[in-house]
C-alpha cells in the first residue's frame, strides 16, 4: 500500500477540491507521465562515460582488497514473503530529456508480520554503476533504467529491489490539493527560501515542529528545500511526506478501492508494478496507519563521509565499507 501512496499523477494542473468519499474517476482526464527511455548518451554529467554497452548482465564490480563488493556483501537468502520496492522521485521536466532520481526510498514490505521498513538513500551517494563506472546513485536510472539501478543496489548494498515506481514532481501540487491537503508530522522546524504566499519579509518560509497541514505548494517546497538544510534532513522530510500521503489515501478507503485508484494513478507513473502485485500487499495497509509497524531507516553521517571529486569539483558522499550494507540488511531481514 505504500507503493500505492507513491503512485501520484505528476502533472501541473489547477488545485482541485477535496475528493468525496466516492468519486467518479471515469470523468477524470490526466496527462500521463512518460519518462524518456534510457539512453547511453549522457550530456548532463561528463563523469558518466560508459565503460561498456549497458546490458542486463552485471559487469565485474569494483573490488576491496581484491574481493568483489558482491562477494563481500552477498544477497541474503531469498524470502518469497518479502517484497522490495524502490519509490523514486524524478526531476524530469518537459524541456529536458535527461533526469535524475533525487528521491530514492527502498521500501521493504513484510506481509507475514504486517510491517514495512523504509530506507532513505541520499542522492549524492557515490556508488559503482555496473557497466558505467562510479557516479552518484541518482544518475543510475537515467542511464540504464531500472535494471541499472537494481544492479547498482545489488553490487553495492547486497540487496536487490523487486519492483519500482517513479514519479515526476510536477503534478505533486495537484494530488496533494486533490486530497484536501496532507497532515505532515514535521520532526524538526525548517526555514528556507521560498516563493509562496506565506513568504516572510526576507524571502523565506518557516515550518515549526509538529503536525502541519500543507497544501500542494507548501508540501513540494518542504520536500525540496535545500539552501539551509542537508541531504540527510531532506531524506527525513521525504519520509514524512510519504507517510502523510499514505494516511490521506487510507482516509479514502484505499484498500477497498485499490482497483479503482490503481486504474487512475497507474496512467501517471513509470512502474512495473501490476494490480495483481499490489492487491495482496494492500491487505496490510490498515495495520500501518498508526505507524506502529513501520520502521524508518536512513543512510546518514554514520554510514558515509564527504569526498571531493577533483575532476568535477563536486562533493559526494562516500559509503563507509559495510555500514550502508548493514542498514539494508536490517531492512530486509525477518525477525
Foldseek 3Di string as FASTA:
>chain_A
DLVLLLLAFFAADDADAADDLDDDCVPDDGDAADAADAAQDDDPDPLFHFQADDDLDFDQADDDVPHFLCVVQAADPDDPQKAKEWRFEWADDPVDNFIWGQWTKIWIFHVVVLFIEIETEGQQEWFQFGRGGTGGLRCQCNHPNLSRSQSRCCRNQNDGHDKYKYAYNNRQLHVCSRLVFFWFQAQAKDKAADDDPCQDPVRIHIDHGGTDTDHRRVLVCQLPGDDPDHSQSSNVSVVRVSLRSLLSCVVSVCLVCVVVSCVNSVSHIDIPDDSVNVNVSSVSSVVPNVPPRYHYHYCDPVFWDWDADVVVRDIGTYGDPPRSNVRVCVRHDDD
